[in-house]
Each structure stands twice: as C-alpha cells, then as structure tokens.
Amino acid sequence: MENKTEIKITKDMNLGEVVFKYPEAAEVLTDYGLSCVGCFASSFDTIEQGAKIHELSDEELDDMLERINEVVNFGE
C-alpha cells in the first residue's frame, strides 16, 4: 500500500510556482478567471494576490483553493 503525502496548496503560495509544479492547477485557475497563469506577473504574485486582482471574493478564493487541492491530490 502506497503512503502518499497529501499536497496542500494555500493562498500564500506563489502562483507561478504552483502552476509550474502542478500544471493541472492551471485549468482550475483559468476557470475562476485567472487567465494570467502564464503571465510574467504570475511569478511575483501569490494565489491570493492574483485572486484579488481579478476581483474574486474570499469565498470564491476558498472554493478555488479547494478545487485546486482536489485536482492536485485526487485528479478530480
């Protein structure tokens, strides 16, 4: 039985680094309007900063992070 450690993506993580390490997260980010995942600025912004720039509410940010974590950990 494989003992896999769950990955936890948080709002204070660098947007560009998350997309680089977990490319499957990019689709979720773009679903929420963060089409800047490939943008130069994404290498400087956290996920939260990107969400606020694109006017996501705190609830939308939490929902997006939940979906990202599901995709990264379970492929859903």
N, C-alpha and C. Protein backbone atom coordinates (compact mmCIF):
# COMPACT_ATOMS: atom_id res chain seq x y z
N MET A 1 0.83 -1.17 0.00
CA MET A 1 0.00 0.00 0.00
C MET A 1 0.88 1.25 0.00
N GLU A 2 0.60 2.16 -0.95
CA GLU A 2 1.41 3.36 -1.09
C GLU A 2 0.96 4.42 -0.09
N ASN A 3 1.92 5.02 0.60
CA ASN A 3 1.62 6.06 1.57
C ASN A 3 1.97 7.40 0.96
N LYS A 4 1.00 8.04 0.31
CA LYS A 4 1.21 9.30 -0.38
C LYS A 4 0.86 10.47 0.54
N THR A 5 1.75 11.44 0.62
CA THR A 5 1.52 12.63 1.42
C THR A 5 0.62 13.59 0.64
N GLU A 6 -0.41 14.07 1.29
CA GLU A 6 -1.32 15.00 0.63
C GLU A 6 -0.65 16.35 0.44
N ILE A 7 -0.82 16.92 -0.74
CA ILE A 7 -0.28 18.23 -1.08
C ILE A 7 -1.30 19.27 -0.63
N LYS A 8 -0.84 20.35 -0.03
CA LYS A 8 -1.74 21.40 0.43
C LYS A 8 -1.34 22.72 -0.24
N ILE A 9 -2.15 23.15 -1.20
CA ILE A 9 -1.95 24.43 -1.87
C ILE A 9 -2.68 25.49 -1.05
N THR A 10 -1.97 26.58 -0.71
CA THR A 10 -2.56 27.64 0.10
C THR A 10 -2.51 28.96 -0.64
N LYS A 11 -3.30 29.91 -0.17
CA LYS A 11 -3.42 31.21 -0.83
C LYS A 11 -2.13 32.03 -0.82
N ASP A 12 -1.21 31.72 0.09
CA ASP A 12 0.04 32.49 0.16
C ASP A 12 1.16 31.90 -0.68
N MET A 13 0.86 30.85 -1.46
CA MET A 13 1.86 30.25 -2.33
C MET A 13 1.98 31.05 -3.62
N ASN A 14 3.18 31.05 -4.20
CA ASN A 14 3.44 31.77 -5.43
C ASN A 14 2.66 31.12 -6.58
N LEU A 15 1.92 31.94 -7.29
CA LEU A 15 1.06 31.47 -8.38
C LEU A 15 1.85 30.75 -9.47
N GLY A 16 2.94 31.35 -9.92
CA GLY A 16 3.75 30.75 -10.97
C GLY A 16 4.37 29.43 -10.56
N GLU A 17 4.84 29.34 -9.32
CA GLU A 17 5.45 28.11 -8.82
C GLU A 17 4.43 26.98 -8.74
N VAL A 18 3.22 27.30 -8.30
CA VAL A 18 2.18 26.28 -8.20
C VAL A 18 1.86 25.73 -9.58
N VAL A 19 1.71 26.61 -10.57
CA VAL A 19 1.39 26.16 -11.93
C VAL A 19 2.55 25.36 -12.51
N PHE A 20 3.78 25.77 -12.21
CA PHE A 20 4.95 25.04 -12.71
C PHE A 20 5.01 23.63 -12.13
N LYS A 21 4.80 23.52 -10.80
CA LYS A 21 4.88 22.21 -10.13
C LYS A 21 3.65 21.35 -10.38
N TYR A 22 2.50 21.99 -10.50
CA TYR A 22 1.23 21.28 -10.65
C TYR A 22 0.44 21.87 -11.83
N PRO A 23 0.84 21.56 -13.06
CA PRO A 23 0.19 22.17 -14.23
C PRO A 23 -1.32 21.94 -14.29
N GLU A 24 -1.78 20.88 -13.65
CA GLU A 24 -3.23 20.62 -13.64
C GLU A 24 -3.99 21.70 -12.88
N ALA A 25 -3.32 22.48 -12.05
CA ALA A 25 -3.97 23.57 -11.31
C ALA A 25 -4.33 24.73 -12.24
N ALA A 26 -3.64 24.85 -13.37
CA ALA A 26 -3.88 25.97 -14.28
C ALA A 26 -5.32 26.00 -14.79
N GLU A 27 -5.90 24.83 -15.07
CA GLU A 27 -7.27 24.79 -15.57
C GLU A 27 -8.26 25.33 -14.54
N VAL A 28 -8.05 24.97 -13.28
CA VAL A 28 -8.92 25.49 -12.21
C VAL A 28 -8.77 26.99 -12.10
N LEU A 29 -7.54 27.47 -12.12
CA LEU A 29 -7.28 28.91 -12.02
C LEU A 29 -7.97 29.66 -13.16
N THR A 30 -7.85 29.16 -14.38
CA THR A 30 -8.49 29.84 -15.50
C THR A 30 -10.02 29.75 -15.41
N ASP A 31 -10.55 28.67 -14.85
CA ASP A 31 -12.00 28.58 -14.63
C ASP A 31 -12.50 29.71 -13.74
N TYR A 32 -11.65 30.19 -12.85
CA TYR A 32 -12.02 31.28 -11.95
C TYR A 32 -11.59 32.65 -12.47
N GLY A 33 -11.18 32.71 -13.73
CA GLY A 33 -10.84 34.00 -14.33
C GLY A 33 -9.39 34.40 -14.21
N LEU A 34 -8.56 33.56 -13.66
CA LEU A 34 -7.14 33.88 -13.54
C LEU A 34 -6.41 33.37 -14.78
N SER A 35 -6.71 34.00 -15.90
CA SER A 35 -6.09 33.59 -17.16
C SER A 35 -4.64 34.03 -17.23
N CYS A 36 -4.18 34.68 -16.20
CA CYS A 36 -2.81 35.19 -16.14
C CYS A 36 -1.81 34.12 -15.69
N VAL A 37 -2.23 32.86 -15.63
CA VAL A 37 -1.33 31.82 -15.11
C VAL A 37 -0.03 31.73 -15.88
N GLY A 38 -0.05 32.09 -17.14
CA GLY A 38 1.18 32.07 -17.93
C GLY A 38 1.83 33.43 -18.05
N CYS A 39 1.25 34.41 -17.41
CA CYS A 39 1.71 35.80 -17.48
C CYS A 39 2.99 36.00 -16.65
N PHE A 40 3.80 36.93 -17.07
CA PHE A 40 5.03 37.26 -16.37
C PHE A 40 4.76 37.62 -14.90
N ALA A 41 3.67 38.35 -14.64
CA ALA A 41 3.36 38.79 -13.28
C ALA A 41 3.06 37.63 -12.34
N SER A 42 2.64 36.51 -12.87
CA SER A 42 2.30 35.38 -12.00
C SER A 42 3.51 34.87 -11.23
N SER A 43 4.71 35.16 -11.70
CA SER A 43 5.90 34.72 -10.98
C SER A 43 6.14 35.55 -9.72
N PHE A 44 5.44 36.67 -9.60
CA PHE A 44 5.60 37.53 -8.42
C PHE A 44 4.42 37.46 -7.45
N ASP A 45 3.24 37.11 -7.97
CA ASP A 45 2.02 37.15 -7.16
C ASP A 45 1.75 35.84 -6.44
N THR A 46 1.14 35.96 -5.28
CA THR A 46 0.61 34.78 -4.60
C THR A 46 -0.74 34.46 -5.22
N ILE A 47 -1.27 33.30 -4.90
CA ILE A 47 -2.60 32.94 -5.40
C ILE A 47 -3.62 33.96 -4.91
N GLU A 48 -3.52 34.38 -3.67
CA GLU A 48 -4.46 35.36 -3.12
C GLU A 48 -4.36 36.69 -3.86
N GLN A 49 -3.14 37.16 -4.12
CA GLN A 49 -2.97 38.42 -4.84
C GLN A 49 -3.60 38.35 -6.23
N GLY A 50 -3.36 37.23 -6.93
CA GLY A 50 -3.96 37.05 -8.25
C GLY A 50 -5.47 37.05 -8.18
N ALA A 51 -6.02 36.40 -7.16
CA ALA A 51 -7.47 36.35 -6.99
C ALA A 51 -8.03 37.74 -6.73
N LYS A 52 -7.36 38.51 -5.91
CA LYS A 52 -7.84 39.86 -5.59
C LYS A 52 -7.74 40.78 -6.80
N ILE A 53 -6.67 40.64 -7.59
CA ILE A 53 -6.52 41.44 -8.81
C ILE A 53 -7.69 41.17 -9.76
N HIS A 54 -8.15 39.92 -9.77
CA HIS A 54 -9.26 39.53 -10.64
C HIS A 54 -10.61 39.58 -9.93
N GLU A 55 -10.61 40.27 -8.78
CA GLU A 55 -11.83 40.60 -8.03
C GLU A 55 -12.62 39.40 -7.54
N LEU A 56 -11.93 38.34 -7.15
CA LEU A 56 -12.60 37.20 -6.54
C LEU A 56 -12.88 37.52 -5.08
N SER A 57 -14.01 37.07 -4.59
CA SER A 57 -14.34 37.24 -3.17
C SER A 57 -13.54 36.23 -2.36
N ASP A 58 -13.54 36.41 -1.05
CA ASP A 58 -12.86 35.45 -0.18
C ASP A 58 -13.47 34.06 -0.33
N GLU A 59 -14.79 34.01 -0.48
CA GLU A 59 -15.47 32.72 -0.65
C GLU A 59 -15.06 32.05 -1.97
N GLU A 60 -14.98 32.84 -3.04
CA GLU A 60 -14.54 32.29 -4.32
C GLU A 60 -13.09 31.79 -4.24
N LEU A 61 -12.25 32.54 -3.53
CA LEU A 61 -10.86 32.13 -3.34
C LEU A 61 -10.80 30.79 -2.60
N ASP A 62 -11.58 30.67 -1.54
CA ASP A 62 -11.61 29.41 -0.78
C ASP A 62 -12.11 28.25 -1.65
N ASP A 63 -13.15 28.50 -2.44
CA ASP A 63 -13.68 27.46 -3.33
C ASP A 63 -12.62 27.05 -4.36
N MET A 64 -11.93 28.04 -4.91
CA MET A 64 -10.90 27.77 -5.91
C MET A 64 -9.77 26.94 -5.31
N LEU A 65 -9.33 27.29 -4.11
CA LEU A 65 -8.27 26.52 -3.45
C LEU A 65 -8.71 25.09 -3.16
N GLU A 66 -9.95 24.92 -2.78
CA GLU A 66 -10.48 23.58 -2.53
C GLU A 66 -10.43 22.75 -3.81
N ARG A 67 -10.86 23.34 -4.91
CA ARG A 67 -10.82 22.64 -6.20
C ARG A 67 -9.39 22.33 -6.64
N ILE A 68 -8.49 23.28 -6.46
CA ILE A 68 -7.08 23.05 -6.83
C ILE A 68 -6.54 21.87 -6.05
N ASN A 69 -6.79 21.85 -4.75
CA ASN A 69 -6.29 20.75 -3.91
C ASN A 69 -6.89 19.41 -4.30
N GLU A 70 -8.17 19.40 -4.69
CA GLU A 70 -8.79 18.16 -5.16
C GLU A 70 -8.11 17.66 -6.43
N VAL A 71 -7.88 18.58 -7.37
CA VAL A 71 -7.27 18.20 -8.65
C VAL A 71 -5.83 17.72 -8.44
N VAL A 72 -5.08 18.44 -7.64
CA VAL A 72 -3.67 18.10 -7.42
C VAL A 72 -3.53 16.77 -6.68
N ASN A 73 -4.40 16.52 -5.72
CA ASN A 73 -4.28 15.32 -4.90
C ASN A 73 -5.04 14.11 -5.44
N PHE A 74 -6.17 14.34 -6.09
CA PHE A 74 -7.02 13.22 -6.47
C PHE A 74 -7.35 13.18 -7.96
N GLY A 75 -6.91 14.19 -8.70
CA GLY A 75 -7.17 14.21 -10.13
C GLY A 75 -8.62 14.40 -10.49
N GLU A 76 -9.39 15.05 -9.64
CA GLU A 76 -10.84 15.23 -9.89
C GLU A 76 -11.11 16.54 -10.57
